Amino acid sequence: MIKLFNSTTKFQPREFGYKPRYYDADKEALERRIKGREEANAKGALTKMRLRQEFGNYKSSDGTHRKGSFVTSSSFRLLLIIILLSMASYIVLDSLLPQLLEYWFPLEHQEYELLEKYY
C-alpha cells in the first residue's frame, strides 16, 4: 500500500510477448529462386519460373496500366453524358423558351409584331 503512494516508484507498463508477422514478398521470391536453383538444374524450368514471377510482379505492382484505361473510359463516359445532357437541354429550351417567355411576361400586340422577325 505504501508502494502506491511512493513518488520514487515508477510504474512499468505490461509487456506482451506479441511478435507481429511480416510478409516480405521479395524475400519469399529470393527463397523460391534459391530453392529452384538447388532443385532443378534445367535452365528451362528456371527461366519459366523467373518469367512468371516477373510478369506477376508487373501485374501487381504496376496498377497504373489498368488504372489508366479505367480513368480514360470513365472520362470518356462523363464527357459523353455531359454532351448528351447539353444537347437535350438545348433542344428543350429552344422549343419551350419562347412559349414560356410569352406566358410569364405577356406583351402588348405591337411588341409581338417587333419580335416576329426573330422567330
PDB file of N, CA and C in Angstrom:
ATOM      1  N   MET A   1       0.824  -1.185   0.000  1.00  0.00           N
ATOM      2  CA  MET A   1       0.000   0.000   0.000  1.00  0.00           C
ATOM      3  C   MET A   1       0.867   1.247   0.000  1.00  0.00           C
ATOM      4  N   ILE A   2       1.943   1.202   0.744  1.00  0.00           N
ATOM      5  CA  ILE A   2       2.846   2.350   0.790  1.00  0.00           C
ATOM      6  C   ILE A   2       3.534   2.517  -0.559  1.00  0.00           C
ATOM      7  N   LYS A   3       3.712   1.434  -1.251  1.00  0.00           N
ATOM      8  CA  LYS A   3       4.365   1.490  -2.543  1.00  0.00           C
ATOM      9  C   LYS A   3       3.522   2.280  -3.558  1.00  0.00           C
ATOM     10  N   LEU A   4       2.219   2.277  -3.425  1.00  0.00           N
ATOM     11  CA  LEU A   4       1.360   3.019  -4.337  1.00  0.00           C
ATOM     12  C   LEU A   4       1.549   4.527  -4.198  1.00  0.00           C
ATOM     13  N   PHE A   5       1.780   4.992  -2.989  1.00  0.00           N
ATOM     14  CA  PHE A   5       1.892   6.422  -2.757  1.00  0.00           C
ATOM     15  C   PHE A   5       3.335   6.916  -2.764  1.00  0.00           C
ATOM     16  N   ASN A   6       4.273   6.052  -2.989  1.00  0.00           N
ATOM     17  CA  ASN A   6       5.676   6.429  -3.032  1.00  0.00           C
ATOM     18  C   ASN A   6       5.947   7.113  -4.377  1.00  0.00           C
ATOM     19  N   SER A   7       6.504   8.332  -4.358  1.00  0.00           N
ATOM     20  CA  SER A   7       6.718   9.092  -5.584  1.00  0.00           C
ATOM     21  C   SER A   7       7.942   8.619  -6.355  1.00  0.00           C
ATOM     22  N   THR A   8       8.816   7.870  -5.741  1.00  0.00           N
ATOM     23  CA  THR A   8      10.012   7.410  -6.450  1.00  0.00           C
ATOM     24  C   THR A   8       9.760   6.141  -7.254  1.00  0.00           C
ATOM     25  N   THR A   9       8.657   5.480  -7.000  1.00  0.00           N
ATOM     26  CA  THR A   9       8.361   4.250  -7.726  1.00  0.00           C
ATOM     27  C   THR A   9       7.767   4.598  -9.089  1.00  0.00           C
ATOM     28  N   LYS A  10       8.330   4.024 -10.128  1.00  0.00           N
ATOM     29  CA  LYS A  10       7.794   4.222 -11.481  1.00  0.00           C
ATOM     30  C   LYS A  10       7.043   2.963 -11.876  1.00  0.00           C
ATOM     31  N   PHE A  11       5.856   3.174 -12.363  1.00  0.00           N
ATOM     32  CA  PHE A  11       5.060   2.043 -12.803  1.00  0.00           C
ATOM     33  C   PHE A  11       5.499   1.651 -14.207  1.00  0.00           C
ATOM     34  N   GLN A  12       5.738   0.404 -14.394  1.00  0.00           N
ATOM     35  CA  GLN A  12       6.134  -0.115 -15.701  1.00  0.00           C
ATOM     36  C   GLN A  12       4.895  -0.678 -16.401  1.00  0.00           C
ATOM     37  N   PRO A  13       4.737  -0.365 -17.673  1.00  0.00           N
ATOM     38  CA  PRO A  13       3.593  -0.940 -18.388  1.00  0.00           C
ATOM     39  C   PRO A  13       3.794  -2.437 -18.611  1.00  0.00           C
ATOM     40  N   ARG A  14       2.708  -3.131 -18.758  1.00  0.00           N
ATOM     41  CA  ARG A  14       2.774  -4.569 -19.016  1.00  0.00           C
ATOM     42  C   ARG A  14       3.367  -4.810 -20.393  1.00  0.00           C
ATOM     43  N   GLU A  15       4.153  -5.819 -20.488  1.00  0.00           N
ATOM     44  CA  GLU A  15       4.712  -6.187 -21.777  1.00  0.00           C
ATOM     45  C   GLU A  15       4.113  -7.511 -22.208  1.00  0.00           C
ATOM     46  N   PHE A  16       3.791  -7.575 -23.462  1.00  0.00           N
ATOM     47  CA  PHE A  16       3.221  -8.785 -24.019  1.00  0.00           C
ATOM     48  C   PHE A  16       4.232  -9.409 -24.961  1.00  0.00           C
ATOM     49  N   GLY A  17       4.145 -10.689 -25.124  1.00  0.00           N
ATOM     50  CA  GLY A  17       5.079 -11.404 -25.982  1.00  0.00           C
ATOM     51  C   GLY A  17       4.610 -11.485 -27.428  1.00  0.00           C
ATOM     52  N   TYR A  18       3.875 -10.484 -27.889  1.00  0.00           N
ATOM     53  CA  TYR A  18       3.344 -10.500 -29.248  1.00  0.00           C
ATOM     54  C   TYR A  18       4.424 -10.066 -30.229  1.00  0.00           C
ATOM     55  N   LYS A  19       4.643 -10.886 -31.234  1.00  0.00           N
ATOM     56  CA  LYS A  19       5.567 -10.526 -32.299  1.00  0.00           C
ATOM     57  C   LYS A  19       4.745 -10.382 -33.577  1.00  0.00           C
ATOM     58  N   PRO A  20       4.719  -9.195 -34.166  1.00  0.00           N
ATOM     59  CA  PRO A  20       3.907  -9.013 -35.371  1.00  0.00           C
ATOM     60  C   PRO A  20       4.476  -9.812 -36.543  1.00  0.00           C
ATOM     61  N   ARG A  21       3.591 -10.311 -37.355  1.00  0.00           N
ATOM     62  CA  ARG A  21       4.005 -11.058 -38.538  1.00  0.00           C
ATOM     63  C   ARG A  21       4.269 -10.069 -39.662  1.00  0.00           C
ATOM     64  N   TYR A  22       5.267 -10.375 -40.444  1.00  0.00           N
ATOM     65  CA  TYR A  22       5.608  -9.512 -41.561  1.00  0.00           C
ATOM     66  C   TYR A  22       5.872 -10.383 -42.774  1.00  0.00           C
ATOM     67  N   TYR A  23       5.230 -10.070 -43.853  1.00  0.00           N
ATOM     68  CA  TYR A  23       5.414 -10.830 -45.083  1.00  0.00           C
ATOM     69  C   TYR A  23       6.258 -10.004 -46.031  1.00  0.00           C
ATOM     70  N   ASP A  24       7.382 -10.535 -46.402  1.00  0.00           N
ATOM     71  CA  ASP A  24       8.277  -9.853 -47.324  1.00  0.00           C
ATOM     72  C   ASP A  24       8.232 -10.599 -48.651  1.00  0.00           C
ATOM     73  N   ALA A  25       7.603 -10.002 -49.645  1.00  0.00           N
ATOM     74  CA  ALA A  25       7.442 -10.662 -50.941  1.00  0.00           C
ATOM     75  C   ALA A  25       8.784 -10.854 -51.632  1.00  0.00           C
ATOM     76  N   ASP A  26       9.670  -9.882 -51.502  1.00  0.00           N
ATOM     77  CA  ASP A  26      10.986 -10.006 -52.134  1.00  0.00           C
ATOM     78  C   ASP A  26      11.785 -11.151 -51.522  1.00  0.00           C
ATOM     79  N   LYS A  27      11.718 -11.284 -50.213  1.00  0.00           N
ATOM     80  CA  LYS A  27      12.438 -12.362 -49.539  1.00  0.00           C
ATOM     81  C   LYS A  27      11.881 -13.726 -49.954  1.00  0.00           C
ATOM     82  N   GLU A  28      10.543 -13.812 -50.040  1.00  0.00           N
ATOM     83  CA  GLU A  28       9.928 -15.060 -50.485  1.00  0.00           C
ATOM     84  C   GLU A  28      10.348 -15.401 -51.913  1.00  0.00           C
ATOM     85  N   ALA A  29      10.393 -14.393 -52.772  1.00  0.00           N
ATOM     86  CA  ALA A  29      10.802 -14.635 -54.156  1.00  0.00           C
ATOM     87  C   ALA A  29      12.254 -15.096 -54.218  1.00  0.00           C
ATOM     88  N   LEU A  30      13.107 -14.476 -53.419  1.00  0.00           N
ATOM     89  CA  LEU A  30      14.511 -14.877 -53.372  1.00  0.00           C
ATOM     90  C   LEU A  30      14.650 -16.316 -52.891  1.00  0.00           C
ATOM     91  N   GLU A  31      13.904 -16.673 -51.858  1.00  0.00           N
ATOM     92  CA  GLU A  31      13.951 -18.050 -51.358  1.00  0.00           C
ATOM     93  C   GLU A  31      13.453 -19.043 -52.406  1.00  0.00           C
ATOM     94  N   ARG A  32      12.406 -18.677 -53.144  1.00  0.00           N
ATOM     95  CA  ARG A  32      11.909 -19.553 -54.201  1.00  0.00           C
ATOM     96  C   ARG A  32      12.952 -19.740 -55.301  1.00  0.00           C
ATOM     97  N   ARG A  33      13.636 -18.642 -55.672  1.00  0.00           N
ATOM     98  CA  ARG A  33      14.673 -18.750 -56.702  1.00  0.00           C
ATOM     99  C   ARG A  33      15.830 -19.632 -56.246  1.00  0.00           C
ATOM    100  N   ILE A  34      16.247 -19.446 -55.009  1.00  0.00           N
ATOM    101  CA  ILE A  34      17.349 -20.265 -54.476  1.00  0.00           C
ATOM    102  C   ILE A  34      16.939 -21.730 -54.432  1.00  0.00           C
ATOM    103  N   LYS A  35      15.727 -21.981 -53.962  1.00  0.00           N
ATOM    104  CA  LYS A  35      15.237 -23.355 -53.888  1.00  0.00           C
ATOM    105  C   LYS A  35      15.104 -23.958 -55.285  1.00  0.00           C
ATOM    106  N   GLY A  36      14.635 -23.153 -56.225  1.00  0.00           N
ATOM    107  CA  GLY A  36      14.505 -23.627 -57.603  1.00  0.00           C
ATOM    108  C   GLY A  36      15.848 -23.966 -58.220  1.00  0.00           C
ATOM    109  N   ARG A  37      16.855 -23.171 -57.937  1.00  0.00           N
ATOM    110  CA  ARG A  37      18.199 -23.446 -58.461  1.00  0.00           C
ATOM    111  C   ARG A  37      18.796 -24.703 -57.842  1.00  0.00           C
ATOM    112  N   GLU A  38      18.521 -24.905 -56.573  1.00  0.00           N
ATOM    113  CA  GLU A  38      19.046 -26.098 -55.914  1.00  0.00           C
ATOM    114  C   GLU A  38      18.371 -27.360 -56.433  1.00  0.00           C
ATOM    115  N   GLU A  39      17.056 -27.294 -56.643  1.00  0.00           N
ATOM    116  CA  GLU A  39      16.309 -28.489 -57.037  1.00  0.00           C
ATOM    117  C   GLU A  39      16.421 -28.783 -58.530  1.00  0.00           C
ATOM    118  N   ALA A  40      16.297 -27.772 -59.327  1.00  0.00           N
ATOM    119  CA  ALA A  40      16.270 -28.006 -60.778  1.00  0.00           C
ATOM    120  C   ALA A  40      17.529 -27.450 -61.421  1.00  0.00           C
ATOM    121  N   ASN A  41      18.202 -28.280 -62.153  1.00  0.00           N
ATOM    122  CA  ASN A  41      19.392 -27.831 -62.858  1.00  0.00           C
ATOM    123  C   ASN A  41      19.056 -27.393 -64.272  1.00  0.00           C
ATOM    124  N   ALA A  42      17.866 -27.701 -64.709  1.00  0.00           N
ATOM    125  CA  ALA A  42      17.476 -27.345 -66.064  1.00  0.00           C
ATOM    126  C   ALA A  42      17.197 -25.848 -66.148  1.00  0.00           C
ATOM    127  N   LYS A  43      17.748 -25.214 -67.170  1.00  0.00           N
ATOM    128  CA  LYS A  43      17.560 -23.767 -67.324  1.00  0.00           C
ATOM    129  C   LYS A  43      16.141 -23.421 -67.765  1.00  0.00           C
ATOM    130  N   GLY A  44      15.482 -24.331 -68.455  1.00  0.00           N
ATOM    131  CA  GLY A  44      14.129 -24.058 -68.931  1.00  0.00           C
ATOM    132  C   GLY A  44      13.150 -23.837 -67.799  1.00  0.00           C
ATOM    133  N   ALA A  45      13.230 -24.659 -66.763  1.00  0.00           N
ATOM    134  CA  ALA A  45      12.315 -24.526 -65.626  1.00  0.00           C
ATOM    135  C   ALA A  45      12.575 -23.226 -64.877  1.00  0.00           C
ATOM    136  N   LEU A  46      13.852 -22.876 -64.713  1.00  0.00           N
ATOM    137  CA  LEU A  46      14.178 -21.626 -64.017  1.00  0.00           C
ATOM    138  C   LEU A  46      13.726 -20.415 -64.819  1.00  0.00           C
ATOM    139  N   THR A  47      13.916 -20.475 -66.122  1.00  0.00           N
ATOM    140  CA  THR A  47      13.512 -19.351 -66.960  1.00  0.00           C
ATOM    141  C   THR A  47      12.004 -19.159 -66.903  1.00  0.00           C
ATOM    142  N   LYS A  48      11.262 -20.252 -66.985  1.00  0.00           N
ATOM    143  CA  LYS A  48       9.805 -20.145 -66.901  1.00  0.00           C
ATOM    144  C   LYS A  48       9.371 -19.568 -65.560  1.00  0.00           C
ATOM    145  N   MET A  49      10.005 -20.042 -64.490  1.00  0.00           N
ATOM    146  CA  MET A  49       9.648 -19.555 -63.163  1.00  0.00           C
ATOM    147  C   MET A  49       9.964 -18.060 -63.041  1.00  0.00           C
ATOM    148  N   ARG A  50      11.119 -17.659 -63.558  1.00  0.00           N
ATOM    149  CA  ARG A  50      11.519 -16.258 -63.474  1.00  0.00           C
ATOM    150  C   ARG A  50      10.585 -15.376 -64.300  1.00  0.00           C
ATOM    151  N   LEU A  51      10.213 -15.847 -65.490  1.00  0.00           N
ATOM    152  CA  LEU A  51       9.287 -15.081 -66.319  1.00  0.00           C
ATOM    153  C   LEU A  51       7.922 -14.944 -65.648  1.00  0.00           C
ATOM    154  N   ARG A  52       7.419 -16.041 -65.087  1.00  0.00           N
ATOM    155  CA  ARG A  52       6.141 -15.979 -64.379  1.00  0.00           C
ATOM    156  C   ARG A  52       6.201 -14.985 -63.231  1.00  0.00           C
ATOM    157  N   GLN A  53       7.302 -15.038 -62.521  1.00  0.00           N
ATOM    158  CA  GLN A  53       7.451 -14.158 -61.363  1.00  0.00           C
ATOM    159  C   GLN A  53       7.514 -12.695 -61.803  1.00  0.00           C
ATOM    160  N   GLU A  54       8.268 -12.411 -62.852  1.00  0.00           N
ATOM    161  CA  GLU A  54       8.393 -11.030 -63.307  1.00  0.00           C
ATOM    162  C   GLU A  54       7.065 -10.492 -63.825  1.00  0.00           C
ATOM    163  N   PHE A  55       6.333 -11.306 -64.591  1.00  0.00           N
ATOM    164  CA  PHE A  55       5.036 -10.854 -65.069  1.00  0.00           C
ATOM    165  C   PHE A  55       4.047 -10.709 -63.927  1.00  0.00           C
ATOM    166  N   GLY A  56       4.150 -11.561 -62.937  1.00  0.00           N
ATOM    167  CA  GLY A  56       3.291 -11.432 -61.759  1.00  0.00           C
ATOM    168  C   GLY A  56       3.581 -10.152 -61.012  1.00  0.00           C
ATOM    169  N   ASN A  57       4.857  -9.811 -60.870  1.00  0.00           N
ATOM    170  CA  ASN A  57       5.220  -8.557 -60.214  1.00  0.00           C
ATOM    171  C   ASN A  57       4.748  -7.367 -61.025  1.00  0.00           C
ATOM    172  N   TYR A  58       4.827  -7.478 -62.347  1.00  0.00           N
ATOM    173  CA  TYR A  58       4.384  -6.378 -63.202  1.00  0.00           C
ATOM    174  C   TYR A  58       2.892  -6.127 -63.021  1.00  0.00           C
ATOM    175  N   LYS A  59       2.132  -7.207 -62.974  1.00  0.00           N
ATOM    176  CA  LYS A  59       0.683  -7.053 -62.838  1.00  0.00           C
ATOM    177  C   LYS A  59       0.301  -6.476 -61.483  1.00  0.00           C
ATOM    178  N   SER A  60       0.969  -6.925 -60.434  1.00  0.00           N
ATOM    179  CA  SER A  60       0.556  -6.490 -59.103  1.00  0.00           C
ATOM    180  C   SER A  60       1.114  -5.121 -58.745  1.00  0.00           C
ATOM    181  N   SER A  61       2.355  -4.849 -59.113  1.00  0.00           N
ATOM    182  CA  SER A  61       2.959  -3.591 -58.674  1.00  0.00           C
ATOM    183  C   SER A  61       2.610  -2.436 -59.595  1.00  0.00           C
ATOM    184  N   ASP A  62       2.386  -2.714 -60.878  1.00  0.00           N
ATOM    185  CA  ASP A  62       2.123  -1.632 -61.818  1.00  0.00           C
ATOM    186  C   ASP A  62       0.626  -1.532 -62.063  1.00  0.00           C
ATOM    187  N   GLY A  63      -0.074  -0.917 -61.139  1.00  0.00           N
ATOM    188  CA  GLY A  63      -1.511  -0.747 -61.276  1.00  0.00           C
ATOM    189  C   GLY A  63      -1.875   0.413 -62.175  1.00  0.00           C
ATOM    190  N   THR A  64      -0.872   1.182 -62.642  1.00  0.00           N
ATOM    191  CA  THR A  64      -1.162   2.339 -63.479  1.00  0.00           C
ATOM    192  C   THR A  64      -1.686   1.923 -64.842  1.00  0.00           C
ATOM    193  N   HIS A  65      -1.275   0.759 -65.347  1.00  0.00           N
ATOM    194  CA  HIS A  65      -1.739   0.326 -66.661  1.00  0.00           C
ATOM    195  C   HIS A  65      -3.253   0.109 -66.649  1.00  0.00           C
ATOM    196  N   ARG A  66      -3.730  -0.641 -65.678  1.00  0.00           N
ATOM    197  CA  ARG A  66      -5.169  -0.870 -65.574  1.00  0.00           C
ATOM    198  C   ARG A  66      -5.884   0.403 -65.149  1.00  0.00           C
ATOM    199  N   LYS A  67      -5.269   1.153 -64.261  1.00  0.00           N
ATOM    200  CA  LYS A  67      -5.889   2.373 -63.756  1.00  0.00           C
ATOM    201  C   LYS A  67      -6.030   3.403 -64.872  1.00  0.00           C
ATOM    202  N   GLY A  68      -5.038   3.482 -65.748  1.00  0.00           N
ATOM    203  CA  GLY A  68      -5.083   4.447 -66.846  1.00  0.00           C
ATOM    204  C   GLY A  68      -6.241   4.178 -67.780  1.00  0.00           C
ATOM    205  N   SER A  69      -6.475   2.926 -68.136  1.00  0.00           N
ATOM    206  CA  SER A  69      -7.583   2.609 -69.023  1.00  0.00           C
ATOM    207  C   SER A  69      -8.914   2.870 -68.330  1.00  0.00           C
ATOM    208  N   PHE A  70      -8.972   2.615 -67.021  1.00  0.00           N
ATOM    209  CA  PHE A  70     -10.201   2.881 -66.268  1.00  0.00           C
ATOM    210  C   PHE A  70     -10.496   4.376 -66.249  1.00  0.00           C
ATOM    211  N   VAL A  71      -9.481   5.194 -66.009  1.00  0.00           N
ATOM    212  CA  VAL A  71      -9.678   6.645 -65.967  1.00  0.00           C
ATOM    213  C   VAL A  71     -10.084   7.151 -67.339  1.00  0.00           C
ATOM    214  N   THR A  72      -9.476   6.609 -68.390  1.00  0.00           N
ATOM    215  CA  THR A  72      -9.811   7.042 -69.738  1.00  0.00           C
ATOM    216  C   THR A  72     -11.260   6.708 -70.066  1.00  0.00           C
ATOM    217  N   SER A  73     -11.707   5.507 -69.771  1.00  0.00           N
ATOM    218  CA  SER A  73     -13.086   5.133 -70.072  1.00  0.00           C
ATOM    219  C   SER A  73     -14.065   5.930 -69.216  1.00  0.00           C
ATOM    220  N   SER A  74     -13.703   6.189 -67.976  1.00  0.00           N
ATOM    221  CA  SER A  74     -14.569   6.969 -67.100  1.00  0.00           C
ATOM    222  C   SER A  74     -14.678   8.411 -67.592  1.00  0.00           C
ATOM    223  N   SER A  75     -13.570   8.986 -68.008  1.00  0.00           N
ATOM    224  CA  SER A  75     -13.589  10.356 -68.522  1.00  0.00           C
ATOM    225  C   SER A  75     -14.403  10.434 -69.806  1.00  0.00           C
ATOM    226  N   PHE A  76     -14.232   9.450 -70.661  1.00  0.00           N
ATOM    227  CA  PHE A  76     -14.991   9.433 -71.912  1.00  0.00           C
ATOM    228  C   PHE A  76     -16.488   9.319 -71.635  1.00  0.00           C
ATOM    229  N   ARG A  77     -16.861   8.468 -70.716  1.00  0.00           N
ATOM    230  CA  ARG A  77     -18.268   8.290 -70.361  1.00  0.00           C
ATOM    231  C   ARG A  77     -18.843   9.590 -69.791  1.00  0.00           C
ATOM    232  N   LEU A  78     -18.082  10.253 -68.932  1.00  0.00           N
ATOM    233  CA  LEU A  78     -18.531  11.516 -68.346  1.00  0.00           C
ATOM    234  C   LEU A  78     -18.700  12.587 -69.418  1.00  0.00           C
ATOM    235  N   LEU A  79     -17.752  12.667 -70.352  1.00  0.00           N
ATOM    236  CA  LEU A  79     -17.838  13.634 -71.443  1.00  0.00           C
ATOM    237  C   LEU A  79     -19.058  13.352 -72.312  1.00  0.00           C
ATOM    238  N   LEU A  80     -19.317  12.092 -72.594  1.00  0.00           N
ATOM    239  CA  LEU A  80     -20.477  11.717 -73.397  1.00  0.00           C
ATOM    240  C   LEU A  80     -21.784  12.102 -72.699  1.00  0.00           C
ATOM    241  N   ILE A  81     -21.872  11.888 -71.404  1.00  0.00           N
ATOM    242  CA  ILE A  81     -23.076  12.252 -70.646  1.00  0.00           C
ATOM    243  C   ILE A  81     -23.277  13.765 -70.655  1.00  0.00           C
ATOM    244  N   ILE A  82     -22.198  14.520 -70.483  1.00  0.00           N
ATOM    245  CA  ILE A  82     -22.307  15.986 -70.495  1.00  0.00           C
ATOM    246  C   ILE A  82     -22.785  16.480 -71.852  1.00  0.00           C
ATOM    247  N   ILE A  83     -22.256  15.916 -72.928  1.00  0.00           N
ATOM    248  CA  ILE A  83     -22.667  16.330 -74.272  1.00  0.00           C
ATOM    249  C   ILE A  83     -24.140  16.001 -74.509  1.00  0.00           C
ATOM    250  N   LEU A  84     -24.567  14.793 -74.124  1.00  0.00           N
ATOM    251  CA  LEU A  84     -25.969  14.413 -74.318  1.00  0.00           C
ATOM    252  C   LEU A  84     -26.917  15.300 -73.510  1.00  0.00           C
ATOM    253  N   LEU A  85     -26.562  15.595 -72.272  1.00  0.00           N
ATOM    254  CA  LEU A  85     -27.411  16.472 -71.458  1.00  0.00           C
ATOM    255  C   LEU A  85     -27.448  17.890 -72.016  1.00  0.00           C
ATOM    256  N   SER A  86     -26.331  18.367 -72.518  1.00  0.00           N
ATOM    257  CA  SER A  86     -26.298  19.703 -73.117  1.00  0.00           C
ATOM    258  C   SER A  86     -27.186  19.767 -74.352  1.00  0.00           C
ATOM    259  N   MET A  87     -27.107  18.744 -75.202  1.00  0.00           N
ATOM    260  CA  MET A  87     -27.945  18.726 -76.406  1.00  0.00           C
ATOM    261  C   MET A  87     -29.426  18.647 -76.043  1.00  0.00           C
ATOM    262  N   ALA A  88     -29.769  17.819 -75.074  1.00  0.00           N
ATOM    263  CA  ALA A  88     -31.170  17.691 -74.668  1.00  0.00           C
ATOM    264  C   ALA A  88     -31.691  18.998 -74.082  1.00  0.00           C
ATOM    265  N   SER A  89     -30.884  19.638 -73.254  1.00  0.00           N
ATOM    266  CA  SER A  89     -31.332  20.908 -72.669  1.00  0.00           C
ATOM    267  C   SER A  89     -31.452  21.989 -73.737  1.00  0.00           C
ATOM    268  N   TYR A  90     -30.584  21.992 -74.743  1.00  0.00           N
ATOM    269  CA  TYR A  90     -30.683  22.971 -75.826  1.00  0.00           C
ATOM    270  C   TYR A  90     -31.972  22.765 -76.616  1.00  0.00           C
ATOM    271  N   ILE A  91     -32.282  21.516 -76.927  1.00  0.00           N
ATOM    272  CA  ILE A  91     -33.497  21.233 -77.699  1.00  0.00           C
ATOM    273  C   ILE A  91     -34.741  21.631 -76.911  1.00  0.00           C
ATOM    274  N   VAL A  92     -34.780  21.302 -75.638  1.00  0.00           N
ATOM    275  CA  VAL A  92     -35.945  21.639 -74.811  1.00  0.00           C
ATOM    276  C   VAL A  92     -36.080  23.148 -74.668  1.00  0.00           C
ATOM    277  N   LEU A  93     -34.985  23.820 -74.385  1.00  0.00           N
ATOM    278  CA  LEU A  93     -35.057  25.271 -74.214  1.00  0.00           C
ATOM    279  C   LEU A  93     -35.360  25.977 -75.531  1.00  0.00           C
ATOM    280  N   ASP A  94     -34.859  25.470 -76.630  1.00  0.00           N
ATOM    281  CA  ASP A  94     -35.116  26.097 -77.925  1.00  0.00           C
ATOM    282  C   ASP A  94     -36.589  26.001 -78.298  1.00  0.00           C
ATOM    283  N   SER A  95     -37.227  24.892 -77.959  1.00  0.00           N
ATOM    284  CA  SER A  95     -38.636  24.743 -78.331  1.00  0.00           C
ATOM    285  C   SER A  95     -39.581  25.367 -77.302  1.00  0.00           C
ATOM    286  N   LEU A  96     -39.247  25.329 -76.026  1.00  0.00           N
ATOM    287  CA  LEU A  96     -40.181  25.781 -74.994  1.00  0.00           C
ATOM    288  C   LEU A  96     -39.925  27.195 -74.484  1.00  0.00           C
ATOM    289  N   LEU A  97     -38.740  27.714 -74.652  1.00  0.00           N
ATOM    290  CA  LEU A  97     -38.418  29.014 -74.065  1.00  0.00           C
ATOM    291  C   LEU A  97     -39.283  30.150 -74.609  1.00  0.00           C
ATOM    292  N   PRO A  98     -39.516  30.269 -75.925  1.00  0.00           N
ATOM    293  CA  PRO A  98     -40.396  31.367 -76.381  1.00  0.00           C
ATOM    294  C   PRO A  98     -41.806  31.278 -75.797  1.00  0.00           C
ATOM    295  N   GLN A  99     -42.337  30.064 -75.699  1.00  0.00           N
ATOM    296  CA  GLN A  99     -43.681  29.906 -75.136  1.00  0.00           C
ATOM    297  C   GLN A  99     -43.695  30.272 -73.654  1.00  0.00           C
ATOM    298  N   LEU A 100     -42.665  29.883 -72.928  1.00  0.00           N
ATOM    299  CA  LEU A 100     -42.595  30.225 -71.506  1.00  0.00           C
ATOM    300  C   LEU A 100     -42.454  31.731 -71.305  1.00  0.00           C
ATOM    301  N   LEU A 101     -41.653  32.376 -72.136  1.00  0.00           N
ATOM    302  CA  LEU A 101     -41.494  33.829 -72.007  1.00  0.00           C
ATOM    303  C   LEU A 101     -42.798  34.560 -72.302  1.00  0.00           C
ATOM    304  N   GLU A 102     -43.525  34.091 -73.309  1.00  0.00           N
ATOM    305  CA  GLU A 102     -44.821  34.712 -73.610  1.00  0.00           C
ATOM    306  C   GLU A 102     -45.808  34.501 -72.462  1.00  0.00           C
ATOM    307  N   TYR A 103     -45.737  33.342 -71.825  1.00  0.00           N
ATOM    308  CA  TYR A 103     -46.651  33.047 -70.727  1.00  0.00           C
ATOM    309  C   TYR A 103     -46.289  33.849 -69.481  1.00  0.00           C
ATOM    310  N   TRP A 104     -45.010  33.929 -69.172  1.00  0.00           N
ATOM    311  CA  TRP A 104     -44.578  34.621 -67.960  1.00  0.00           C
ATOM    312  C   TRP A 104     -44.620  36.141 -68.104  1.00  0.00           C
ATOM    313  N   PHE A 105     -44.247  36.628 -69.260  1.00  0.00           N
ATOM    314  CA  PHE A 105     -44.194  38.079 -69.485  1.00  0.00           C
ATOM    315  C   PHE A 105     -45.070  38.424 -70.684  1.00  0.00           C
ATOM    316  N   PRO A 106     -46.358  38.584 -70.461  1.00  0.00           N
ATOM    317  CA  PRO A 106     -47.246  38.899 -71.598  1.00  0.00           C
ATOM    318  C   PRO A 106     -46.933  40.293 -72.163  1.00  0.00           C
ATOM    319  N   LEU A 107     -46.836  40.368 -73.491  1.00  0.00           N
ATOM    320  CA  LEU A 107     -46.511  41.624 -74.166  1.00  0.00           C
ATOM    321  C   LEU A 107     -47.751  42.159 -74.871  1.00  0.00           C
ATOM    322  N   GLU A 108     -47.654  43.405 -75.207  1.00  0.00           N
ATOM    323  CA  GLU A 108     -48.728  44.022 -75.982  1.00  0.00           C
ATOM    324  C   GLU A 108     -48.620  43.539 -77.434  1.00  0.00           C
ATOM    325  N   HIS A 109     -49.689  43.733 -78.201  1.00  0.00           N
ATOM    326  CA  HIS A 109     -49.735  43.246 -79.578  1.00  0.00           C
ATOM    327  C   HIS A 109     -48.653  43.892 -80.444  1.00  0.00           C
ATOM    328  N   GLN A 110     -48.343  45.154 -80.198  1.00  0.00           N
ATOM    329  CA  GLN A 110     -47.333  45.854 -81.003  1.00  0.00           C
ATOM    330  C   GLN A 110     -45.932  45.281 -80.754  1.00  0.00           C
ATOM    331  N   GLU A 111     -45.669  44.914 -79.543  1.00  0.00           N
ATOM    332  CA  GLU A 111     -44.349  44.365 -79.229  1.00  0.00           C
ATOM    333  C   GLU A 111     -44.151  42.994 -79.874  1.00  0.00           C
ATOM    334  N   TYR A 112     -45.244  42.220 -80.039  1.00  0.00           N
ATOM    335  CA  TYR A 112     -45.134  40.936 -80.725  1.00  0.00           C
ATOM    336  C   TYR A 112     -44.780  41.134 -82.193  1.00  0.00           C
ATOM    337  N   GLU A 113     -45.310  42.180 -82.790  1.00  0.00           N
ATOM    338  CA  GLU A 113     -45.007  42.452 -84.195  1.00  0.00           C
ATOM    339  C   GLU A 113     -43.528  42.756 -84.377  1.00  0.00           C
ATOM    340  N   LEU A 114     -42.922  43.411 -83.407  1.00  0.00           N
ATOM    341  CA  LEU A 114     -41.492  43.707 -83.494  1.00  0.00           C
ATOM    342  C   LEU A 114     -40.639  42.436 -83.336  1.00  0.00           C
ATOM    343  N   LEU A 115     -41.146  41.495 -82.575  1.00  0.00           N
ATOM    344  CA  LEU A 115     -40.387  40.272 -82.322  1.00  0.00           C
ATOM    345  C   LEU A 115     -40.589  39.192 -83.386  1.00  0.00           C
ATOM    346  N   GLU A 116     -41.583  39.342 -84.276  1.00  0.00           N
ATOM    347  CA  GLU A 116     -41.887  38.295 -85.247  1.00  0.00           C
ATOM    348  C   GLU A 116     -40.735  38.018 -86.199  1.00  0.00           C
ATOM    349  N   LYS A 117     -39.934  39.022 -86.509  1.00  0.00           N
ATOM    350  CA  LYS A 117     -38.840  38.793 -87.459  1.00  0.00           C
ATOM    351  C   LYS A 117     -37.740  37.916 -86.846  1.00  0.00           C
ATOM    352  N   TYR A 118     -37.704  37.757 -85.535  1.00  0.00           N
ATOM    353  CA  TYR A 118     -36.689  36.917 -84.887  1.00  0.00           C
ATOM    354  C   TYR A 118     -37.114  35.458 -84.765  1.00  0.00           C
ATOM    355  N   TYR A 119     -38.405  35.175 -85.008  1.00  0.00           N
ATOM    356  CA  TYR A 119     -38.878  33.790 -84.895  1.00  0.00           C
ATOM    357  C   TYR A 119     -38.633  33.018 -86.147  1.00  0.00           C
TER     358      TYR A 119
END
